[in-house]
Amino acid sequence: KSTDCPGKVVVRDINDNTPTFENSEYLIEIDEEKTLKQKLEAVDPDIGENGEIVYTLENVPQGLAVEASAGILFIGKLDRDTMDSDSVRFVLRATDRGHPPRTSVTNVTINVKVQYTCVSQYEVTNVLQSKASG
């Protein structure tokens, strides 16, 4: 004789994957005094909270921010005249919400292309020649 007993099996995901960026380093070029939004996304194949990623910035200069849940980098106007060099470097960190959390990082370099605003001015002087050369 057999008996059927209704039951429920719950399979829980363990946090066994680390978020991964496509590249270990990103290079972004931007014109001076322009703004830009750039998506730098990591993926985590875990499900639920274990696969949800939070983004943070390390060693970030003023004028940069990241959308914590989407990995969208916001680059504000960068003025080359106030910078130490023509590029800024920082670390983007992706951390999942698992227990314990797992983290990966990628290096980001932003090259700022200088926009020259100087207008060349020339002074024209007329010289009259009254004698023949020679």
Protein backbone atom coordinates (compact mmCIF):
# COMPACT_ATOMS: atom_id res chain seq x y z
CA LYS A 1 0.00 0.00 0.00
CA SER A 2 1.31 3.54 -0.80
CA THR A 3 0.26 6.93 0.43
CA ASP A 4 0.63 10.30 -1.26
CA CYS A 5 1.55 13.15 1.01
CA PRO A 6 1.57 16.62 -0.45
CA GLY A 7 4.81 18.37 0.33
CA LYS A 8 6.83 21.37 -0.54
CA VAL A 9 10.51 21.41 -1.42
CA VAL A 10 12.28 24.74 -1.16
CA VAL A 11 15.59 25.10 -2.94
CA ARG A 12 17.59 28.05 -1.74
CA ASP A 13 20.39 29.63 -3.70
CA ILE A 14 23.70 29.90 -1.93
CA ASN A 15 25.91 32.88 -2.59
CA ASP A 16 28.57 31.02 -4.53
CA ASN A 17 29.20 33.51 -7.36
CA THR A 18 31.08 36.80 -7.28
CA PRO A 19 29.87 39.74 -9.38
CA THR A 20 32.01 39.98 -12.51
CA PHE A 21 32.77 42.97 -14.72
CA GLU A 22 33.27 42.33 -18.42
CA ASN A 23 36.62 44.15 -18.27
CA SER A 24 39.17 44.49 -15.48
CA GLU A 25 39.78 48.07 -16.62
CA TYR A 26 37.69 50.66 -18.45
CA LEU A 27 38.90 53.70 -20.39
CA ILE A 28 36.47 56.55 -20.98
CA GLU A 29 37.22 59.69 -22.98
CA ILE A 30 35.27 62.88 -22.43
CA ASP A 31 35.59 66.44 -23.69
CA GLU A 32 36.43 68.97 -21.02
CA GLU A 33 33.36 70.73 -19.59
CA LYS A 34 30.97 68.03 -20.95
CA THR A 35 28.87 65.57 -18.96
CA LEU A 36 28.38 61.87 -19.63
CA LYS A 37 26.45 58.84 -18.37
CA GLN A 38 28.21 55.50 -18.85
CA LYS A 39 26.91 52.07 -17.81
CA LEU A 40 29.59 49.83 -16.31
CA GLU A 41 27.75 46.70 -15.32
CA ALA A 42 28.80 43.60 -13.44
CA VAL A 43 26.83 40.34 -13.60
CA ASP A 44 26.17 37.79 -10.86
CA PRO A 45 24.41 34.54 -11.87
CA ASP A 46 23.10 33.93 -8.34
CA ILE A 47 19.37 34.48 -7.82
CA GLY A 48 17.51 36.69 -5.38
CA GLU A 49 19.53 38.86 -3.03
CA ASN A 50 22.62 36.81 -3.81
CA GLY A 51 22.51 38.14 -7.38
CA GLU A 52 21.54 41.75 -6.60
CA ILE A 53 24.49 44.10 -7.01
CA VAL A 54 25.29 47.40 -5.31
CA TYR A 55 27.88 49.69 -6.91
CA THR A 56 30.20 52.05 -5.04
CA LEU A 57 33.18 54.21 -5.98
CA GLU A 58 36.59 54.30 -4.28
CA ASN A 59 39.14 57.12 -4.51
CA VAL A 60 36.66 59.11 -6.53
CA PRO A 61 37.34 62.72 -7.50
CA GLN A 62 34.70 65.39 -7.17
CA GLY A 63 32.20 65.48 -10.02
CA LEU A 64 31.66 61.71 -10.30
CA ALA A 65 28.87 59.55 -8.92
CA VAL A 66 27.39 56.10 -9.53
CA GLU A 67 23.79 54.89 -9.49
CA ALA A 68 24.11 52.29 -6.71
CA SER A 69 21.65 49.75 -8.12
CA ALA A 70 22.30 50.13 -11.86
CA GLY A 71 26.03 50.72 -12.31
CA ILE A 72 25.50 53.92 -14.26
CA LEU A 73 28.45 56.26 -13.85
CA PHE A 74 27.62 59.97 -13.89
CA ILE A 75 30.53 62.13 -15.01
CA GLY A 76 30.08 65.84 -14.31
CA LYS A 77 31.94 68.67 -15.98
CA LEU A 78 35.66 68.17 -15.48
CA ASP A 79 37.83 71.26 -15.84
CA ARG A 80 41.31 70.31 -17.00
CA ASP A 81 42.72 73.58 -15.61
CA THR A 82 41.86 72.50 -12.05
CA MET A 83 43.16 68.93 -12.42
CA ASP A 84 46.64 67.58 -11.65
CA SER A 85 46.74 65.65 -14.95
CA ASP A 86 44.60 65.06 -18.03
CA SER A 87 43.04 61.92 -16.55
CA VAL A 88 41.32 60.71 -13.40
CA ARG A 89 41.54 57.17 -12.04
CA PHE A 90 39.35 55.42 -9.52
CA VAL A 91 37.92 52.03 -8.57
CA LEU A 92 34.34 50.87 -9.18
CA ARG A 93 33.25 48.18 -6.70
CA ALA A 94 30.39 45.71 -7.27
CA THR A 95 29.11 43.93 -4.15
CA ASP A 96 26.24 41.45 -4.08
CA ARG A 97 23.64 41.41 -1.28
CA GLY A 98 24.39 37.81 -0.31
CA HIS A 99 25.51 36.54 3.09
CA PRO A 100 28.41 36.87 3.23
CA PRO A 101 28.63 39.44 0.43
CA ARG A 102 31.00 38.88 -2.48
CA THR A 103 32.82 41.74 -4.19
CA SER A 104 34.78 42.50 -7.32
CA VAL A 105 36.39 45.69 -8.56
CA THR A 106 37.35 47.28 -11.85
CA ASN A 107 39.69 50.19 -12.51
CA VAL A 108 38.29 53.17 -14.40
CA THR A 109 40.34 55.83 -16.16
CA ILE A 110 38.72 58.94 -17.59
CA ASN A 111 40.82 60.88 -20.11
CA VAL A 112 39.76 64.51 -20.34
CA LYS A 113 40.24 66.04 -23.78
CA VAL A 114 41.14 69.71 -23.51
CA GLN A 115 38.90 72.19 -25.29
CA TYR A 116 40.88 75.29 -26.14
CA THR A 117 38.89 78.47 -25.76
CA CYS A 118 41.59 80.97 -26.67
CA VAL A 119 40.93 83.09 -29.71
CA SER A 120 44.01 84.05 -31.65
CA GLN A 121 44.40 87.78 -32.22
CA TYR A 122 46.70 89.36 -34.71
CA GLU A 123 47.63 93.01 -34.95
CA VAL A 124 48.04 94.23 -38.48
CA THR A 125 50.42 97.11 -39.00
CA ASN A 126 50.63 98.91 -42.31
CA VAL A 127 54.13 99.99 -43.28
CA LEU A 128 54.47 102.62 -45.96
CA GLN A 129 57.57 102.52 -48.06
CA SER A 130 58.55 105.88 -49.41
CA LYS A 131 61.98 105.05 -50.78
CA ALA A 132 62.98 102.38 -53.20
CA SER A 133 64.67 99.41 -51.61
CA GLY A 134 68.25 98.90 -52.18
